[in-house]
Amino acid sequence: MEENLNVKNNNSKKIMIYIITFFVGCLVMYAVVYFFPIAISEDVIKEVRDVTINDTGIAEAVEKVYDAVVVVSTYRDGTYIASGTGFVYRADGDTYYLLTNYHVIEDGDNVTVTFTDGDVVETEIVGHDEYADIAVLSIESDKELVVAELGDNEESRVGDTAFAVGAPLDNAYSWTVTRGIISGKDRMVEVSIGDSNTSDYVMKVLQTDAAINSGNSGGPLCNANGEVIGITSLKLISDGVEGMGFAIPIEDAVEKAEQIINGEVSAYPYIGISMTDFSSAYYTQYYSLIRDSGLENGVIVISVENGSPADEGGMEANDIITAIDGEEVINVAYLKYYLYQHDVGETVTVTVQRDGRSVDLEVTLGSDGQTL
């Protein structure tokens, strides 16, 4: 009995010690907070300042190129027919050269450009290249104009910041800036020329998710330094597709522009055939030829012009072209693309399927003022 009383007394003492210790701890905490509040506040404030982020955007980069961008207005017989965007890319004394897309000035006989200060200037159409979708304009000006700084597209990487400046929606929102990233490089995109319902050509372009709208065509695509790395040219429009715009790499555009300025006429290679691709010929008299070939893609030779490079190289009607110098020819657009990488006078290897077997033909590219 006495032993049980001792155990209870010991437990009571322990509980009292715990309670006293708890209250002493609380008093100590209170005293620290009461007598040293400044030190704790400073520590908290310092932590908040360490995580503060100040994003000023790309305003300085935009300012570098903004005044070099113009609204391009195209007229035919005095009637306005189209508009787009362009930019001053080169100065030669009082002569300034501007770049835009060919499809912006197509069918026009007079083109004016409007600057950010409201000045409207009539231009001279120096020249164009339909397949490259490049046009060069020039103006004379006594006052110094802003010339866009050109970048090095080879240094750009997927994921880099990119922005476009243009005049979307028929110049209702001129000099709109849209921002995104470079989404892809060396994209092969099939395009149609004029009102064609089929793909006429293939362009190797930059892909961006910066918003590209109608009217942006011909404007600059820039990097975060405000340097032009491409000319906005295309937008992929389809159900379920959003944010897929394309730009011609600036190196390709400038190379073509310099040829135009220097009067170097682009002579595209000619081989002398009429042709059709599988998608266009599947339900025609060529159905059996396509089925028996076992191929999924290719270009059918309909006829060969007498004495043409194709004729000299041994090409025949009903040959199916499958490759140019080892590069797969999917359709007519790709055939043109690979041929147009070569100059007139060069010899290329054209691979065809004939009677179920593969044949390599050596064709020396010619030119008679027409293509293919």
Protein backbone atom coordinates (compact mmCIF):
# COMPACT_ATOMS: atom_id res chain seq x y z
CA MET A 1 0.00 0.00 0.00
CA GLU A 2 2.78 2.38 0.96
CA GLU A 3 4.64 1.39 -2.19
CA ASN A 4 1.67 2.38 -4.41
CA LEU A 5 1.48 5.77 -2.73
CA ASN A 6 5.17 6.40 -3.51
CA VAL A 7 4.61 5.58 -7.24
CA LYS A 8 1.66 7.96 -7.44
CA ASN A 9 3.66 10.74 -5.78
CA ASN A 10 6.53 10.25 -8.23
CA ASN A 11 4.16 10.42 -11.24
CA SER A 12 2.56 13.58 -9.92
CA LYS A 13 5.97 15.19 -9.52
CA LYS A 14 6.89 14.30 -13.14
CA ILE A 15 3.67 15.79 -14.47
CA MET A 16 4.25 18.99 -12.54
CA ILE A 17 7.81 19.22 -13.90
CA TYR A 18 6.50 18.85 -17.50
CA ILE A 19 3.87 21.53 -16.96
CA ILE A 20 6.37 23.95 -15.39
CA THR A 21 8.88 23.29 -18.23
CA PHE A 22 6.20 23.98 -20.88
CA PHE A 23 5.20 27.29 -19.33
CA VAL A 24 8.82 28.37 -18.87
CA GLY A 25 9.46 27.63 -22.56
CA CYS A 26 6.46 29.72 -23.58
CA LEU A 27 7.67 32.61 -21.45
CA VAL A 28 11.14 32.43 -23.01
CA MET A 29 9.66 32.45 -26.56
CA TYR A 30 7.44 35.42 -25.70
CA ALA A 31 10.43 37.30 -24.23
CA VAL A 32 12.52 36.71 -27.39
CA VAL A 33 9.72 37.92 -29.67
CA TYR A 34 8.97 40.92 -27.43
CA PHE A 35 12.53 42.14 -26.91
CA PHE A 36 14.04 41.27 -30.39
CA PRO A 37 11.29 41.93 -33.03
CA ILE A 38 13.49 43.95 -35.43
CA ALA A 39 15.99 41.18 -36.10
CA ILE A 40 13.22 38.72 -37.00
CA SER A 41 11.42 41.26 -39.23
CA GLU A 42 14.62 42.02 -41.09
CA ASP A 43 15.21 38.35 -41.77
CA VAL A 44 11.68 37.92 -43.15
CA ILE A 45 11.91 41.03 -45.35
CA LYS A 46 15.27 39.88 -46.70
CA GLU A 47 13.80 36.55 -47.74
CA VAL A 48 10.95 38.25 -49.63
CA ARG A 49 13.34 40.55 -51.50
CA ASP A 50 15.52 37.64 -52.52
CA VAL A 51 12.68 36.06 -54.55
CA THR A 52 11.33 39.23 -56.19
CA ILE A 53 11.42 39.02 -60.04
CA ASN A 54 11.30 42.04 -62.34
CA ASP A 55 10.64 41.08 -66.00
CA THR A 56 10.88 44.13 -68.26
CA GLY A 57 10.17 42.04 -71.39
CA ILE A 58 11.79 42.72 -74.75
CA ALA A 59 10.93 46.41 -75.13
CA GLU A 60 14.53 47.46 -75.84
CA ALA A 61 14.91 44.79 -78.51
CA VAL A 62 11.64 45.87 -80.14
CA GLU A 63 12.78 49.52 -80.19
CA LYS A 64 15.87 48.56 -82.23
CA VAL A 65 13.84 47.29 -85.17
CA TYR A 66 10.45 48.98 -84.77
CA ASP A 67 11.05 52.06 -86.96
CA ALA A 68 12.64 49.96 -89.70
CA VAL A 69 9.33 48.12 -90.21
CA VAL A 70 6.88 49.42 -92.84
CA VAL A 71 3.36 48.69 -94.01
CA VAL A 72 3.44 47.59 -97.65
CA SER A 73 0.45 48.56 -99.83
CA THR A 74 0.10 47.08 -103.32
CA TYR A 75 -1.87 48.66 -106.17
CA ARG A 76 -2.89 47.55 -109.64
CA ASP A 77 -3.91 50.22 -112.16
CA GLY A 78 -4.38 52.63 -109.28
CA THR A 79 -6.61 50.23 -107.30
CA TYR A 80 -5.52 48.92 -103.92
CA ILE A 81 -5.33 45.12 -104.01
CA ALA A 82 -3.27 43.92 -101.03
CA SER A 83 -1.14 44.84 -98.05
CA GLY A 84 1.54 43.27 -95.94
CA THR A 85 4.68 44.11 -94.05
CA GLY A 86 8.29 44.81 -94.95
CA PHE A 87 11.44 46.28 -93.42
CA VAL A 88 14.49 48.32 -94.38
CA TYR A 89 17.42 45.94 -94.47
CA ARG A 90 20.17 47.81 -96.33
CA ALA A 91 21.33 51.36 -97.09
CA ASP A 92 23.49 52.49 -100.00
CA GLY A 93 23.93 56.25 -99.70
CA ASP A 94 20.48 57.80 -100.08
CA THR A 95 19.09 54.55 -101.48
CA TYR A 96 17.40 52.21 -99.06
CA TYR A 97 16.43 48.62 -99.85
CA LEU A 98 13.47 46.88 -98.27
CA LEU A 99 12.56 43.21 -98.04
CA THR A 100 9.08 41.72 -98.20
CA ASN A 101 7.38 38.60 -99.56
CA TYR A 102 6.72 38.19 -103.25
CA HIS A 103 3.13 37.18 -102.58
CA VAL A 104 2.57 40.57 -100.88
CA ILE A 105 3.28 42.50 -104.12
CA GLU A 106 2.21 39.80 -106.58
CA ASP A 107 0.12 41.20 -109.47
CA GLY A 108 0.88 44.77 -108.40
CA ASP A 109 2.32 47.50 -110.61
CA ASN A 110 2.77 50.10 -107.88
CA VAL A 111 3.82 49.68 -104.24
CA THR A 112 3.94 52.22 -101.42
CA VAL A 113 5.33 51.85 -97.91
CA THR A 114 4.18 53.61 -94.76
CA PHE A 115 6.64 54.34 -91.94
CA THR A 116 5.91 54.59 -88.23
CA ASP A 117 5.92 58.40 -88.42
CA GLY A 118 3.09 58.28 -90.97
CA ASP A 119 5.18 59.08 -94.06
CA VAL A 120 3.93 57.29 -97.19
CA VAL A 121 6.60 56.72 -99.85
CA GLU A 122 6.28 55.29 -103.34
CA THR A 123 8.81 52.55 -104.05
CA GLU A 124 10.58 51.04 -106.99
CA ILE A 125 10.09 47.30 -107.41
CA VAL A 126 13.69 46.17 -107.87
CA GLY A 127 12.78 42.54 -108.48
CA HIS A 128 11.45 39.34 -107.01
CA ASP A 129 11.80 35.58 -106.88
CA GLU A 130 8.53 33.69 -106.91
CA TYR A 131 9.79 30.37 -105.56
CA ALA A 132 11.86 31.96 -102.80
CA ASP A 133 8.88 34.25 -102.03
CA ILE A 134 11.21 37.25 -101.82
CA ALA A 135 10.71 40.75 -103.24
CA VAL A 136 13.05 43.73 -103.03
CA LEU A 137 11.83 47.34 -103.01
CA SER A 138 13.89 50.53 -102.99
CA ILE A 139 13.31 54.17 -102.05
CA GLU A 140 15.35 57.35 -102.12
CA SER A 141 15.48 59.40 -98.90
CA ASP A 142 17.46 62.49 -97.87
CA LYS A 143 16.85 61.76 -94.20
CA GLU A 144 18.55 58.89 -92.45
CA LEU A 145 16.24 55.92 -92.03
CA VAL A 146 16.46 53.15 -89.44
CA VAL A 147 17.98 50.02 -90.93
CA ALA A 148 17.18 46.71 -89.26
CA GLU A 149 20.12 44.83 -87.80
CA LEU A 150 20.46 41.34 -89.25
CA GLY A 151 21.21 38.40 -87.00
CA ASP A 152 22.88 35.05 -87.49
CA ASN A 153 20.21 32.42 -87.77
CA GLU A 154 22.82 29.68 -87.41
CA GLU A 155 23.30 30.78 -83.79
CA SER A 156 19.58 30.57 -82.95
CA ARG A 157 18.32 27.58 -81.02
CA VAL A 158 14.96 25.92 -80.53
CA GLY A 159 13.46 27.53 -77.43
CA ASP A 160 15.07 30.95 -77.97
CA THR A 161 12.83 33.98 -77.61
CA ALA A 162 11.49 35.31 -80.92
CA PHE A 163 9.16 38.16 -81.77
CA ALA A 164 7.45 39.42 -84.91
CA VAL A 165 6.49 42.96 -85.92
CA GLY A 166 3.84 43.38 -88.57
CA ALA A 167 0.58 44.86 -89.83
CA PRO A 168 -2.05 42.16 -89.24
CA LEU A 169 -5.63 42.21 -90.48
CA ASP A 170 -5.18 44.43 -93.49
CA ASN A 171 -3.02 46.93 -91.53
CA ALA A 172 -5.83 47.70 -89.04
CA TYR A 173 -3.33 46.98 -86.24
CA SER A 174 -0.09 48.18 -87.80
CA TRP A 175 3.22 47.54 -86.02
CA THR A 176 1.75 44.89 -83.75
CA VAL A 177 4.40 43.01 -81.77
CA THR A 178 3.86 39.33 -80.93
CA ARG A 179 6.22 37.26 -78.83
CA GLY A 180 7.00 33.56 -78.70
CA ILE A 181 9.89 31.18 -79.20
CA ILE A 182 11.63 29.42 -82.05
CA SER A 183 9.66 26.19 -82.17
CA GLY A 184 11.68 24.43 -84.86
CA LYS A 185 14.40 24.87 -87.47
CA ASP A 186 14.80 23.52 -91.01
CA ARG A 187 11.11 22.67 -91.32
CA MET A 188 10.12 21.47 -94.79
CA VAL A 189 6.76 23.05 -95.62
CA GLU A 190 4.84 22.55 -98.86
CA VAL A 191 3.37 25.74 -100.33
CA SER A 192 1.12 26.65 -103.23
CA ILE A 193 1.89 29.43 -105.66
CA GLY A 194 -0.96 31.64 -106.80
CA ASP A 195 -4.38 29.98 -106.69
CA SER A 196 -3.07 26.45 -107.08
CA ASN A 197 -4.90 23.76 -105.10
CA THR A 198 -1.84 21.53 -104.99
CA SER A 199 1.59 21.96 -103.48
CA ASP A 200 3.90 23.66 -105.96
CA TYR A 201 7.08 23.95 -103.99
CA VAL A 202 8.79 23.18 -100.69
CA MET A 203 10.40 25.81 -98.48
CA LYS A 204 12.90 25.20 -95.68
CA VAL A 205 11.80 27.55 -92.90
CA LEU A 206 11.94 28.46 -89.23
CA GLN A 207 8.92 27.59 -87.10
CA THR A 208 7.66 29.93 -84.37
CA ASP A 209 4.68 30.11 -82.05
CA ALA A 210 4.71 33.92 -82.10
CA ALA A 211 1.29 34.92 -83.45
CA ILE A 212 1.41 35.38 -87.25
CA ASN A 213 -1.74 36.85 -88.77
CA SER A 214 -2.88 37.94 -92.21
CA GLY A 215 -0.85 41.04 -93.05
CA ASN A 216 2.26 39.94 -91.15
CA SER A 217 3.72 38.51 -94.35
CA GLY A 218 7.05 40.07 -95.23
CA GLY A 219 7.75 41.41 -91.75
CA PRO A 220 10.74 40.57 -89.56
CA LEU A 221 11.05 37.70 -87.10
CA CYS A 222 13.63 38.81 -84.55
CA ASN A 223 15.67 37.33 -81.73
CA ALA A 224 15.88 38.70 -78.18
CA ASN A 225 18.60 41.15 -79.30
CA GLY A 226 16.29 42.78 -81.84
CA GLU A 227 18.17 41.26 -84.78
CA VAL A 228 16.22 39.94 -87.77
CA ILE A 229 16.60 36.18 -88.17
CA GLY A 230 13.75 35.54 -90.59
CA ILE A 231 10.97 36.94 -92.78
CA THR A 232 7.51 35.86 -91.68
CA SER A 233 5.89 34.15 -94.62
CA LEU A 234 3.42 31.41 -93.74
CA LYS A 235 0.92 30.27 -91.15
CA LEU A 236 -0.43 26.74 -90.93
CA ILE A 237 -4.22 26.94 -90.77
CA SER A 238 -6.12 23.77 -89.94
CA ASP A 239 -8.58 22.42 -87.40
CA GLY A 240 -6.74 21.58 -84.21
CA VAL A 241 -3.64 23.57 -85.20
CA GLU A 242 -2.65 26.71 -83.34
CA GLY A 243 0.55 28.69 -83.01
CA MET A 244 2.40 27.34 -86.05
CA GLY A 245 3.94 30.19 -88.04
CA PHE A 246 6.91 30.04 -90.39
CA ALA A 247 9.66 32.40 -91.52
CA ILE A 248 12.23 32.32 -94.30
CA PRO A 249 15.74 32.22 -92.73
CA ILE A 250 17.34 35.65 -93.13
CA GLU A 251 20.49 34.22 -94.72
CA ASP A 252 18.45 32.69 -97.56
CA ALA A 253 16.42 35.87 -98.02
CA VAL A 254 19.44 38.17 -98.13
CA GLU A 255 21.33 35.91 -100.55
CA LYS A 256 18.37 36.03 -102.94
CA ALA A 257 17.89 39.78 -102.40
CA GLU A 258 21.53 40.52 -103.24
CA GLN A 259 21.21 38.53 -106.47
CA ILE A 260 18.14 40.59 -107.38
CA ILE A 261 19.85 43.92 -106.60
CA ASN A 262 22.94 42.93 -108.59
CA GLY A 263 20.80 41.99 -111.60
CA GLU A 264 21.63 38.31 -111.41
CA VAL A 265 18.56 36.71 -112.97
CA SER A 266 17.59 33.45 -111.30
CA ALA A 267 17.62 30.72 -113.92
CA TYR A 268 15.93 27.69 -112.48
CA PRO A 269 16.97 24.29 -113.85
CA TYR A 270 14.94 22.77 -116.66
CA ILE A 271 14.78 19.08 -117.58
CA GLY A 272 11.87 19.04 -120.04
CA ILE A 273 9.08 16.81 -118.75
CA SER A 274 5.38 17.00 -117.97
CA MET A 275 4.51 15.15 -114.79
CA THR A 276 2.03 14.42 -112.01
CA ASP A 277 2.36 13.04 -108.50
CA PHE A 278 0.63 10.02 -106.98
CA SER A 279 -2.00 12.02 -105.11
CA SER A 280 -3.16 13.67 -108.34
CA ALA A 281 -3.03 10.58 -110.54
CA TYR A 282 -4.32 7.79 -108.30
CA TYR A 283 -7.81 7.67 -109.81
CA THR A 284 -6.73 8.24 -113.42
CA GLN A 285 -5.32 6.06 -116.18
CA TYR A 286 -2.19 5.78 -114.03
CA TYR A 287 -3.96 3.78 -111.32
CA SER A 288 -2.56 0.44 -112.51
CA LEU A 289 0.95 1.91 -112.83
CA ILE A 290 0.81 3.20 -109.26
CA ARG A 291 -0.67 -0.04 -107.89
CA ASP A 292 1.82 -2.29 -109.66
CA SER A 293 4.79 -0.14 -108.59
CA GLY A 294 4.30 -0.97 -104.92
CA LEU A 295 5.39 2.59 -104.11
CA GLU A 296 3.62 4.97 -101.74
CA ASN A 297 5.05 8.19 -103.20
CA GLY A 298 6.63 9.41 -106.40
CA VAL A 299 6.28 11.52 -109.53
CA ILE A 300 4.97 10.03 -112.77
CA VAL A 301 6.56 11.22 -116.02
CA ILE A 302 3.69 11.87 -118.41
CA SER A 303 5.82 12.87 -121.40
CA VAL A 304 9.39 13.84 -122.29
CA GLU A 305 10.22 16.75 -124.60
CA ASN A 306 12.35 15.77 -127.57
CA GLY A 307 15.96 16.92 -127.23
CA SER A 308 15.47 18.05 -123.63
CA PRO A 309 17.92 17.26 -120.80
CA ALA A 310 15.55 14.50 -119.62
CA ASP A 311 15.45 13.02 -123.13
CA GLU A 312 19.23 13.19 -123.41
CA GLY A 313 19.48 11.48 -120.02
CA GLY A 314 17.30 8.58 -121.11
CA MET A 315 14.08 9.39 -119.26
CA GLU A 316 10.87 7.87 -120.63
CA ALA A 317 7.12 8.36 -120.26
CA ASN A 318 5.66 6.29 -117.39
CA ASP A 319 8.93 6.39 -115.47
CA ILE A 320 8.28 7.06 -111.78
CA ILE A 321 10.83 9.48 -110.32
CA THR A 322 11.69 8.40 -106.76
CA ALA A 323 14.87 10.36 -105.89
CA ILE A 324 17.20 13.19 -106.89
CA ASP A 325 20.82 12.60 -105.85
CA GLY A 326 19.58 10.13 -103.26
CA GLU A 327 16.99 12.51 -101.75
CA GLU A 328 13.52 10.95 -101.71
CA VAL A 329 11.04 12.59 -104.08
CA ILE A 330 7.63 12.43 -102.43
CA ASN A 331 5.75 14.58 -104.95
CA VAL A 332 6.17 17.33 -107.54
CA ALA A 333 6.85 19.95 -104.85
CA TYR A 334 9.82 17.99 -103.50
CA LEU A 335 11.08 17.28 -107.03
CA LYS A 336 11.26 21.02 -107.70
CA TYR A 337 12.87 21.71 -104.34
CA TYR A 338 15.73 19.26 -104.88
CA LEU A 339 16.26 20.29 -108.51
CA TYR A 340 16.33 23.98 -107.58
CA GLN A 341 19.18 23.40 -105.15
CA HIS A 342 21.34 23.00 -108.27
CA ASP A 343 22.51 25.40 -110.96
CA VAL A 344 21.97 25.17 -114.67
CA GLY A 345 24.73 23.04 -116.19
CA GLU A 346 25.13 20.72 -113.20
CA THR A 347 24.57 16.99 -113.59
CA VAL A 348 22.26 15.21 -111.16
CA THR A 349 21.35 11.58 -110.64
CA VAL A 350 17.65 11.00 -111.15
CA THR A 351 16.43 7.66 -109.82
CA VAL A 352 13.33 6.24 -111.53
CA GLN A 353 11.35 3.05 -111.27
CA ARG A 354 10.81 1.49 -114.69
CA ASP A 355 9.07 -1.84 -115.25
CA GLY A 356 9.50 -2.75 -111.58
CA ARG A 357 13.22 -2.02 -111.36
CA SER A 358 15.21 0.98 -110.16
CA VAL A 359 17.25 2.87 -112.75
CA ASP A 360 19.70 5.75 -112.18
CA LEU A 361 19.83 8.37 -114.93
CA GLU A 362 22.46 11.12 -115.27
CA VAL A 363 20.71 14.34 -116.31
CA THR A 364 22.55 17.59 -117.08
CA LEU A 365 20.29 20.47 -116.07
CA GLY A 366 19.43 23.00 -118.75
CA SER A 367 17.51 26.26 -119.02
CA ASP A 368 15.30 27.64 -121.74
CA GLY A 369 13.47 30.25 -119.70
CA GLN A 370 11.01 27.81 -118.21
CA THR A 371 11.00 25.35 -115.35
CA LEU A 372 10.99 21.59 -115.37
